[in-house]
Amino acid sequence: MSIEIERKYLVKGDFKKFAVKSYKIAQGFLSSVPERTVRIRVNEEKGFITVKGISNNSGTSRFEWENEISLQEAKSLLQICEPSI
């Protein structure tokens, strides 16, 4: 169990020419309520499940638990995720 520290940056300029690698990420949410977000993610050939709690008052940190799951499990769970907006 850990605490996630939120760090957000605004990148300006022509940064894309410096990219050396890209890959597709598929994700969905089993629960998107702020008190407990549950996310499924497929990142290249790995699957992950992540549970996040509600943010602190300043919005800079919150509880986070993430675990690798099989690619097949992740793909199956993506099929029952909430509809995307």
PDB file of N, CA and C in Angstrom:
ATOM      1  N   MET A   1       0.849  -1.167   0.000  1.00  0.00           N
ATOM      2  CA  MET A   1       0.000   0.000   0.000  1.00  0.00           C
ATOM      3  C   MET A   1       0.899   1.237   0.000  1.00  0.00           C
ATOM      4  N   SER A   2       0.480   2.245  -0.722  1.00  0.00           N
ATOM      5  CA  SER A   2       1.309   3.440  -0.804  1.00  0.00           C
ATOM      6  C   SER A   2       0.440   4.680  -0.981  1.00  0.00           C
ATOM      7  N   ILE A   3       1.087   5.808  -0.895  1.00  0.00           N
ATOM      8  CA  ILE A   3       0.442   7.097  -1.129  1.00  0.00           C
ATOM      9  C   ILE A   3       0.966   7.641  -2.450  1.00  0.00           C
ATOM     10  N   GLU A   4       0.056   7.984  -3.340  1.00  0.00           N
ATOM     11  CA  GLU A   4       0.416   8.570  -4.625  1.00  0.00           C
ATOM     12  C   GLU A   4       0.573  10.077  -4.441  1.00  0.00           C
ATOM     13  N   ILE A   5       1.661  10.627  -4.955  1.00  0.00           N
ATOM     14  CA  ILE A   5       1.882  12.066  -4.947  1.00  0.00           C
ATOM     15  C   ILE A   5       1.592  12.577  -6.361  1.00  0.00           C
ATOM     16  N   GLU A   6       0.615  13.471  -6.492  1.00  0.00           N
ATOM     17  CA  GLU A   6       0.243  14.004  -7.801  1.00  0.00           C
ATOM     18  C   GLU A   6       1.241  15.061  -8.246  1.00  0.00           C
ATOM     19  N   ARG A   7       1.790  14.862  -9.432  1.00  0.00           N
ATOM     20  CA  ARG A   7       2.673  15.865 -10.044  1.00  0.00           C
ATOM     21  C   ARG A   7       2.173  16.090 -11.457  1.00  0.00           C
ATOM     22  N   LYS A   8       1.833  17.314 -11.759  1.00  0.00           N
ATOM     23  CA  LYS A   8       1.302  17.639 -13.079  1.00  0.00           C
ATOM     24  C   LYS A   8       2.160  18.736 -13.697  1.00  0.00           C
ATOM     25  N   TYR A   9       2.460  18.573 -14.976  1.00  0.00           N
ATOM     26  CA  TYR A   9       3.310  19.523 -15.687  1.00  0.00           C
ATOM     27  C   TYR A   9       2.647  19.904 -16.997  1.00  0.00           C
ATOM     28  N   LEU A  10       2.814  21.135 -17.383  1.00  0.00           N
ATOM     29  CA  LEU A  10       2.349  21.611 -18.678  1.00  0.00           C
ATOM     30  C   LEU A  10       3.562  21.690 -19.602  1.00  0.00           C
ATOM     31  N   VAL A  11       3.539  20.902 -20.667  1.00  0.00           N
ATOM     32  CA  VAL A  11       4.654  20.861 -21.605  1.00  0.00           C
ATOM     33  C   VAL A  11       4.291  21.732 -22.798  1.00  0.00           C
ATOM     34  N   LYS A  12       5.171  22.666 -23.122  1.00  0.00           N
ATOM     35  CA  LYS A  12       4.937  23.577 -24.240  1.00  0.00           C
ATOM     36  C   LYS A  12       6.003  23.368 -25.313  1.00  0.00           C
ATOM     37  N   GLY A  13       5.699  23.840 -26.484  1.00  0.00           N
ATOM     38  CA  GLY A  13       6.681  23.799 -27.561  1.00  0.00           C
ATOM     39  C   GLY A  13       6.571  22.530 -28.398  1.00  0.00           C
ATOM     40  N   ASP A  14       7.532  22.374 -29.290  1.00  0.00           N
ATOM     41  CA  ASP A  14       7.555  21.260 -30.232  1.00  0.00           C
ATOM     42  C   ASP A  14       8.315  20.083 -29.623  1.00  0.00           C
ATOM     43  N   PHE A  15       7.702  19.426 -28.657  1.00  0.00           N
ATOM     44  CA  PHE A  15       8.360  18.354 -27.923  1.00  0.00           C
ATOM     45  C   PHE A  15       8.277  17.002 -28.626  1.00  0.00           C
ATOM     46  N   LYS A  16       7.329  16.822 -29.521  1.00  0.00           N
ATOM     47  CA  LYS A  16       7.103  15.505 -30.128  1.00  0.00           C
ATOM     48  C   LYS A  16       8.296  15.012 -30.938  1.00  0.00           C
ATOM     49  N   LYS A  17       9.086  15.921 -31.496  1.00  0.00           N
ATOM     50  CA  LYS A  17      10.233  15.483 -32.287  1.00  0.00           C
ATOM     51  C   LYS A  17      11.309  14.829 -31.428  1.00  0.00           C
ATOM     52  N   PHE A  18      11.234  15.004 -30.125  1.00  0.00           N
ATOM     53  CA  PHE A  18      12.215  14.402 -29.223  1.00  0.00           C
ATOM     54  C   PHE A  18      11.785  13.018 -28.718  1.00  0.00           C
ATOM     55  N   ALA A  19      10.573  12.611 -29.039  1.00  0.00           N
ATOM     56  CA  ALA A  19      10.081  11.302 -28.592  1.00  0.00           C
ATOM     57  C   ALA A  19      10.850  10.202 -29.316  1.00  0.00           C
ATOM     58  N   VAL A  20      11.280   9.192 -28.572  1.00  0.00           N
ATOM     59  CA  VAL A  20      12.029   8.100 -29.168  1.00  0.00           C
ATOM     60  C   VAL A  20      11.239   6.789 -29.153  1.00  0.00           C
ATOM     61  N   LYS A  21      10.136   6.740 -28.407  1.00  0.00           N
ATOM     62  CA  LYS A  21       9.345   5.523 -28.322  1.00  0.00           C
ATOM     63  C   LYS A  21       7.896   5.886 -28.015  1.00  0.00           C
ATOM     64  N   SER A  22       6.998   5.103 -28.542  1.00  0.00           N
ATOM     65  CA  SER A  22       5.589   5.250 -28.182  1.00  0.00           C
ATOM     66  C   SER A  22       4.967   3.869 -28.119  1.00  0.00           C
ATOM     67  N   TYR A  23       3.901   3.737 -27.340  1.00  0.00           N
ATOM     68  CA  TYR A  23       3.176   2.485 -27.260  1.00  0.00           C
ATOM     69  C   TYR A  23       1.739   2.772 -26.866  1.00  0.00           C
ATOM     70  N   LYS A  24       0.886   1.835 -27.210  1.00  0.00           N
ATOM     71  CA  LYS A  24      -0.540   1.992 -26.962  1.00  0.00           C
ATOM     72  C   LYS A  24      -0.884   1.525 -25.555  1.00  0.00           C
ATOM     73  N   ILE A  25      -1.729   2.300 -24.881  1.00  0.00           N
ATOM     74  CA  ILE A  25      -2.255   1.945 -23.574  1.00  0.00           C
ATOM     75  C   ILE A  25      -3.770   1.901 -23.689  1.00  0.00           C
ATOM     76  N   ALA A  26      -4.367   0.799 -23.258  1.00  0.00           N
ATOM     77  CA  ALA A  26      -5.827   0.696 -23.197  1.00  0.00           C
ATOM     78  C   ALA A  26      -6.204   0.675 -21.723  1.00  0.00           C
ATOM     79  N   GLN A  27      -7.228   1.443 -21.360  1.00  0.00           N
ATOM     80  CA  GLN A  27      -7.648   1.444 -19.963  1.00  0.00           C
ATOM     81  C   GLN A  27      -9.150   1.638 -19.857  1.00  0.00           C
ATOM     82  N   GLY A  28      -9.674   1.209 -18.728  1.00  0.00           N
ATOM     83  CA  GLY A  28     -11.080   1.381 -18.425  1.00  0.00           C
ATOM     84  C   GLY A  28     -11.255   1.419 -16.919  1.00  0.00           C
ATOM     85  N   PHE A  29     -12.427   1.828 -16.482  1.00  0.00           N
ATOM     86  CA  PHE A  29     -12.704   1.976 -15.059  1.00  0.00           C
ATOM     87  C   PHE A  29     -13.842   1.053 -14.634  1.00  0.00           C
ATOM     88  N   LEU A  30     -13.569   0.225 -13.633  1.00  0.00           N
ATOM     89  CA  LEU A  30     -14.612  -0.595 -13.030  1.00  0.00           C
ATOM     90  C   LEU A  30     -15.428   0.245 -12.067  1.00  0.00           C
ATOM     91  N   SER A  31     -14.796   1.256 -11.487  1.00  0.00           N
ATOM     92  CA  SER A  31     -15.468   2.216 -10.601  1.00  0.00           C
ATOM     93  C   SER A  31     -14.776   3.554 -10.744  1.00  0.00           C
ATOM     94  N   SER A  32     -15.530   4.598 -11.012  1.00  0.00           N
ATOM     95  CA  SER A  32     -14.932   5.927 -11.159  1.00  0.00           C
ATOM     96  C   SER A  32     -15.448   6.912 -10.113  1.00  0.00           C
ATOM     97  N   VAL A  33     -16.059   6.395  -9.056  1.00  0.00           N
ATOM     98  CA  VAL A  33     -16.495   7.298  -7.991  1.00  0.00           C
ATOM     99  C   VAL A  33     -15.251   7.817  -7.262  1.00  0.00           C
ATOM    100  N   PRO A  34     -15.217   9.091  -6.865  1.00  0.00           N
ATOM    101  CA  PRO A  34     -14.001   9.673  -6.281  1.00  0.00           C
ATOM    102  C   PRO A  34     -13.478   8.955  -5.038  1.00  0.00           C
ATOM    103  N   GLU A  35     -14.353   8.351  -4.264  1.00  0.00           N
ATOM    104  CA  GLU A  35     -13.917   7.689  -3.032  1.00  0.00           C
ATOM    105  C   GLU A  35     -13.113   6.424  -3.293  1.00  0.00           C
ATOM    106  N   ARG A  36     -13.295   5.792  -4.458  1.00  0.00           N
ATOM    107  CA  ARG A  36     -12.574   4.572  -4.783  1.00  0.00           C
ATOM    108  C   ARG A  36     -12.595   4.326  -6.291  1.00  0.00           C
ATOM    109  N   THR A  37     -11.591   4.771  -6.938  1.00  0.00           N
ATOM    110  CA  THR A  37     -11.453   4.548  -8.369  1.00  0.00           C
ATOM    111  C   THR A  37     -10.738   3.217  -8.584  1.00  0.00           C
ATOM    112  N   VAL A  38     -11.299   2.383  -9.464  1.00  0.00           N
ATOM    113  CA  VAL A  38     -10.669   1.107  -9.797  1.00  0.00           C
ATOM    114  C   VAL A  38     -10.435   1.096 -11.300  1.00  0.00           C
ATOM    115  N   ARG A  39      -9.165   1.048 -11.693  1.00  0.00           N
ATOM    116  CA  ARG A  39      -8.783   1.152 -13.103  1.00  0.00           C
ATOM    117  C   ARG A  39      -8.124  -0.141 -13.568  1.00  0.00           C
ATOM    118  N   ILE A  40      -8.434  -0.536 -14.794  1.00  0.00           N
ATOM    119  CA  ILE A  40      -7.779  -1.650 -15.469  1.00  0.00           C
ATOM    120  C   ILE A  40      -6.980  -1.048 -16.614  1.00  0.00           C
ATOM    121  N   ARG A  41      -5.742  -1.497 -16.766  1.00  0.00           N
ATOM    122  CA  ARG A  41      -4.900  -0.935 -17.825  1.00  0.00           C
ATOM    123  C   ARG A  41      -4.105  -2.045 -18.495  1.00  0.00           C
ATOM    124  N   VAL A  42      -4.034  -1.988 -19.821  1.00  0.00           N
ATOM    125  CA  VAL A  42      -3.167  -2.857 -20.609  1.00  0.00           C
ATOM    126  C   VAL A  42      -2.105  -1.963 -21.216  1.00  0.00           C
ATOM    127  N   ASN A  43      -0.852  -2.244 -20.864  1.00  0.00           N
ATOM    128  CA  ASN A  43       0.295  -1.453 -21.295  1.00  0.00           C
ATOM    129  C   ASN A  43       1.240  -2.397 -22.022  1.00  0.00           C
ATOM    130  N   GLU A  44       1.248  -2.323 -23.344  1.00  0.00           N
ATOM    131  CA  GLU A  44       1.972  -3.253 -24.194  1.00  0.00           C
ATOM    132  C   GLU A  44       1.507  -4.676 -23.903  1.00  0.00           C
ATOM    133  N   GLU A  45       2.287  -5.514 -23.293  1.00  0.00           N
ATOM    134  CA  GLU A  45       1.915  -6.909 -23.059  1.00  0.00           C
ATOM    135  C   GLU A  45       1.701  -7.233 -21.584  1.00  0.00           C
ATOM    136  N   LYS A  46       1.370  -6.233 -20.765  1.00  0.00           N
ATOM    137  CA  LYS A  46       1.137  -6.440 -19.337  1.00  0.00           C
ATOM    138  C   LYS A  46      -0.212  -5.854 -18.952  1.00  0.00           C
ATOM    139  N   GLY A  47      -0.823  -6.447 -17.935  1.00  0.00           N
ATOM    140  CA  GLY A  47      -2.081  -5.945 -17.415  1.00  0.00           C
ATOM    141  C   GLY A  47      -1.898  -5.465 -15.981  1.00  0.00           C
ATOM    142  N   PHE A  48      -2.675  -4.456 -15.594  1.00  0.00           N
ATOM    143  CA  PHE A  48      -2.587  -3.897 -14.252  1.00  0.00           C
ATOM    144  C   PHE A  48      -3.978  -3.564 -13.732  1.00  0.00           C
ATOM    145  N   ILE A  49      -4.148  -3.714 -12.430  1.00  0.00           N
ATOM    146  CA  ILE A  49      -5.338  -3.225 -11.746  1.00  0.00           C
ATOM    147  C   ILE A  49      -4.853  -2.230 -10.705  1.00  0.00           C
ATOM    148  N   THR A  50      -5.529  -1.083 -10.634  1.00  0.00           N
ATOM    149  CA  THR A  50      -5.144  -0.018  -9.712  1.00  0.00           C
ATOM    150  C   THR A  50      -6.373   0.444  -8.951  1.00  0.00           C
ATOM    151  N   VAL A  51      -6.222   0.578  -7.643  1.00  0.00           N
ATOM    152  CA  VAL A  51      -7.279   1.101  -6.776  1.00  0.00           C
ATOM    153  C   VAL A  51      -6.760   2.392  -6.162  1.00  0.00           C
ATOM    154  N   LYS A  52      -7.538   3.462  -6.297  1.00  0.00           N
ATOM    155  CA  LYS A  52      -7.149   4.758  -5.743  1.00  0.00           C
ATOM    156  C   LYS A  52      -8.247   5.263  -4.826  1.00  0.00           C
ATOM    157  N   GLY A  53      -7.831   5.870  -3.728  1.00  0.00           N
ATOM    158  CA  GLY A  53      -8.774   6.450  -2.789  1.00  0.00           C
ATOM    159  C   GLY A  53      -9.026   7.911  -3.085  1.00  0.00           C
ATOM    160  N   ILE A  54      -9.730   8.567  -2.194  1.00  0.00           N
ATOM    161  CA  ILE A  54     -10.051   9.975  -2.352  1.00  0.00           C
ATOM    162  C   ILE A  54      -8.806  10.822  -2.066  1.00  0.00           C
ATOM    163  N   SER A  55      -8.668  11.934  -2.769  1.00  0.00           N
ATOM    164  CA  SER A  55      -7.523  12.829  -2.580  1.00  0.00           C
ATOM    165  C   SER A  55      -7.621  13.571  -1.256  1.00  0.00           C
ATOM    166  N   ASN A  56      -6.462  14.003  -0.766  1.00  0.00           N
ATOM    167  CA  ASN A  56      -6.465  14.841   0.432  1.00  0.00           C
ATOM    168  C   ASN A  56      -7.048  16.216   0.085  1.00  0.00           C
ATOM    169  N   ASN A  57      -7.195  17.077   1.062  1.00  0.00           N
ATOM    170  CA  ASN A  57      -7.835  18.385   0.845  1.00  0.00           C
ATOM    171  C   ASN A  57      -7.139  19.230  -0.203  1.00  0.00           C
ATOM    172  N   SER A  58      -5.806  19.142  -0.284  1.00  0.00           N
ATOM    173  CA  SER A  58      -5.078  19.954  -1.269  1.00  0.00           C
ATOM    174  C   SER A  58      -5.049  19.301  -2.648  1.00  0.00           C
ATOM    175  N   GLY A  59      -5.480  18.042  -2.752  1.00  0.00           N
ATOM    176  CA  GLY A  59      -5.493  17.352  -4.036  1.00  0.00           C
ATOM    177  C   GLY A  59      -4.133  16.863  -4.493  1.00  0.00           C
ATOM    178  N   THR A  60      -3.165  16.815  -3.591  1.00  0.00           N
ATOM    179  CA  THR A  60      -1.802  16.450  -3.988  1.00  0.00           C
ATOM    180  C   THR A  60      -1.438  14.997  -3.701  1.00  0.00           C
ATOM    181  N   SER A  61      -2.228  14.297  -2.888  1.00  0.00           N
ATOM    182  CA  SER A  61      -1.888  12.902  -2.611  1.00  0.00           C
ATOM    183  C   SER A  61      -3.143  12.097  -2.289  1.00  0.00           C
ATOM    184  N   ARG A  62      -3.027  10.790  -2.478  1.00  0.00           N
ATOM    185  CA  ARG A  62      -4.120   9.878  -2.144  1.00  0.00           C
ATOM    186  C   ARG A  62      -3.583   8.452  -2.082  1.00  0.00           C
ATOM    187  N   PHE A  63      -4.347   7.570  -1.446  1.00  0.00           N
ATOM    188  CA  PHE A  63      -4.004   6.159  -1.349  1.00  0.00           C
ATOM    189  C   PHE A  63      -4.009   5.553  -2.744  1.00  0.00           C
ATOM    190  N   GLU A  64      -3.016   4.692  -3.031  1.00  0.00           N
ATOM    191  CA  GLU A  64      -2.986   3.984  -4.305  1.00  0.00           C
ATOM    192  C   GLU A  64      -2.420   2.587  -4.103  1.00  0.00           C
ATOM    193  N   TRP A  65      -3.076   1.611  -4.709  1.00  0.00           N
ATOM    194  CA  TRP A  65      -2.595   0.235  -4.728  1.00  0.00           C
ATOM    195  C   TRP A  65      -2.652  -0.230  -6.168  1.00  0.00           C
ATOM    196  N   GLU A  66      -1.536  -0.791  -6.666  1.00  0.00           N
ATOM    197  CA  GLU A  66      -1.491  -1.285  -8.039  1.00  0.00           C
ATOM    198  C   GLU A  66      -0.830  -2.650  -8.045  1.00  0.00           C
ATOM    199  N   ASN A  67      -1.360  -3.541  -8.886  1.00  0.00           N
ATOM    200  CA  ASN A  67      -0.817  -4.886  -8.968  1.00  0.00           C
ATOM    201  C   ASN A  67      -0.876  -5.347 -10.421  1.00  0.00           C
ATOM    202  N   GLU A  68       0.160  -6.038 -10.851  1.00  0.00           N
ATOM    203  CA  GLU A  68       0.157  -6.603 -12.197  1.00  0.00           C
ATOM    204  C   GLU A  68      -0.746  -7.828 -12.210  1.00  0.00           C
ATOM    205  N   ILE A  69      -1.565  -7.931 -13.252  1.00  0.00           N
ATOM    206  CA  ILE A  69      -2.420  -9.091 -13.461  1.00  0.00           C
ATOM    207  C   ILE A  69      -2.108  -9.635 -14.850  1.00  0.00           C
ATOM    208  N   SER A  70      -2.597 -10.816 -15.143  1.00  0.00           N
ATOM    209  CA  SER A  70      -2.301 -11.394 -16.457  1.00  0.00           C
ATOM    210  C   SER A  70      -2.940 -10.550 -17.562  1.00  0.00           C
ATOM    211  N   LEU A  71      -2.342 -10.609 -18.722  1.00  0.00           N
ATOM    212  CA  LEU A  71      -2.864  -9.877 -19.873  1.00  0.00           C
ATOM    213  C   LEU A  71      -4.282 -10.332 -20.194  1.00  0.00           C
ATOM    214  N   GLN A  72      -4.529 -11.634 -20.112  1.00  0.00           N
ATOM    215  CA  GLN A  72      -5.873 -12.160 -20.392  1.00  0.00           C
ATOM    216  C   GLN A  72      -6.897 -11.648 -19.384  1.00  0.00           C
ATOM    217  N   GLU A  73      -6.535 -11.624 -18.090  1.00  0.00           N
ATOM    218  CA  GLU A  73      -7.449 -11.093 -17.074  1.00  0.00           C
ATOM    219  C   GLU A  73      -7.761  -9.625 -17.346  1.00  0.00           C
ATOM    220  N   ALA A  74      -6.732  -8.850 -17.660  1.00  0.00           N
ATOM    221  CA  ALA A  74      -6.930  -7.421 -17.918  1.00  0.00           C
ATOM    222  C   ALA A  74      -7.850  -7.207 -19.120  1.00  0.00           C
ATOM    223  N   LYS A  75      -7.625  -7.941 -20.193  1.00  0.00           N
ATOM    224  CA  LYS A  75      -8.477  -7.799 -21.378  1.00  0.00           C
ATOM    225  C   LYS A  75      -9.925  -8.195 -21.075  1.00  0.00           C
ATOM    226  N   SER A  76     -10.109  -9.231 -20.274  1.00  0.00           N
ATOM    227  CA  SER A  76     -11.462  -9.650 -19.894  1.00  0.00           C
ATOM    228  C   SER A  76     -12.143  -8.579 -19.049  1.00  0.00           C
ATOM    229  N   LEU A  77     -11.409  -8.002 -18.086  1.00  0.00           N
ATOM    230  CA  LEU A  77     -11.980  -6.963 -17.233  1.00  0.00           C
ATOM    231  C   LEU A  77     -12.297  -5.693 -18.013  1.00  0.00           C
ATOM    232  N   LEU A  78     -11.529  -5.388 -19.048  1.00  0.00           N
ATOM    233  CA  LEU A  78     -11.826  -4.207 -19.871  1.00  0.00           C
ATOM    234  C   LEU A  78     -13.220  -4.313 -20.504  1.00  0.00           C
ATOM    235  N   GLN A  79     -13.668  -5.529 -20.759  1.00  0.00           N
ATOM    236  CA  GLN A  79     -14.972  -5.740 -21.398  1.00  0.00           C
ATOM    237  C   GLN A  79     -16.137  -5.348 -20.495  1.00  0.00           C
ATOM    238  N   ILE A  80     -15.929  -5.306 -19.172  1.00  0.00           N
ATOM    239  CA  ILE A  80     -17.028  -4.969 -18.255  1.00  0.00           C
ATOM    240  C   ILE A  80     -16.840  -3.608 -17.582  1.00  0.00           C
ATOM    241  N   CYS A  81     -15.909  -2.818 -18.099  1.00  0.00           N
ATOM    242  CA  CYS A  81     -15.674  -1.485 -17.529  1.00  0.00           C
ATOM    243  C   CYS A  81     -16.825  -0.533 -17.850  1.00  0.00           C
ATOM    244  N   GLU A  82     -16.883   0.539 -17.084  1.00  0.00           N
ATOM    245  CA  GLU A  82     -17.883   1.585 -17.319  1.00  0.00           C
ATOM    246  C   GLU A  82     -17.732   2.128 -18.736  1.00  0.00           C
ATOM    247  N   PRO A  83     -18.837   2.560 -19.335  1.00  0.00           N
ATOM    248  CA  PRO A  83     -18.726   3.167 -20.667  1.00  0.00           C
ATOM    249  C   PRO A  83     -17.883   4.436 -20.603  1.00  0.00           C
ATOM    250  N   SER A  84     -17.082   4.656 -21.632  1.00  0.00           N
ATOM    251  CA  SER A  84     -16.284   5.890 -21.651  1.00  0.00           C
ATOM    252  C   SER A  84     -17.143   7.055 -22.130  1.00  0.00           C
ATOM    253  N   ILE A  85     -16.745   8.232 -21.722  1.00  0.00           N
ATOM    254  CA  ILE A  85     -17.524   9.441 -22.064  1.00  0.00           C
ATOM    255  C   ILE A  85     -17.109   9.965 -23.405  1.00  0.00           C
TER     256      ILE A  85
END
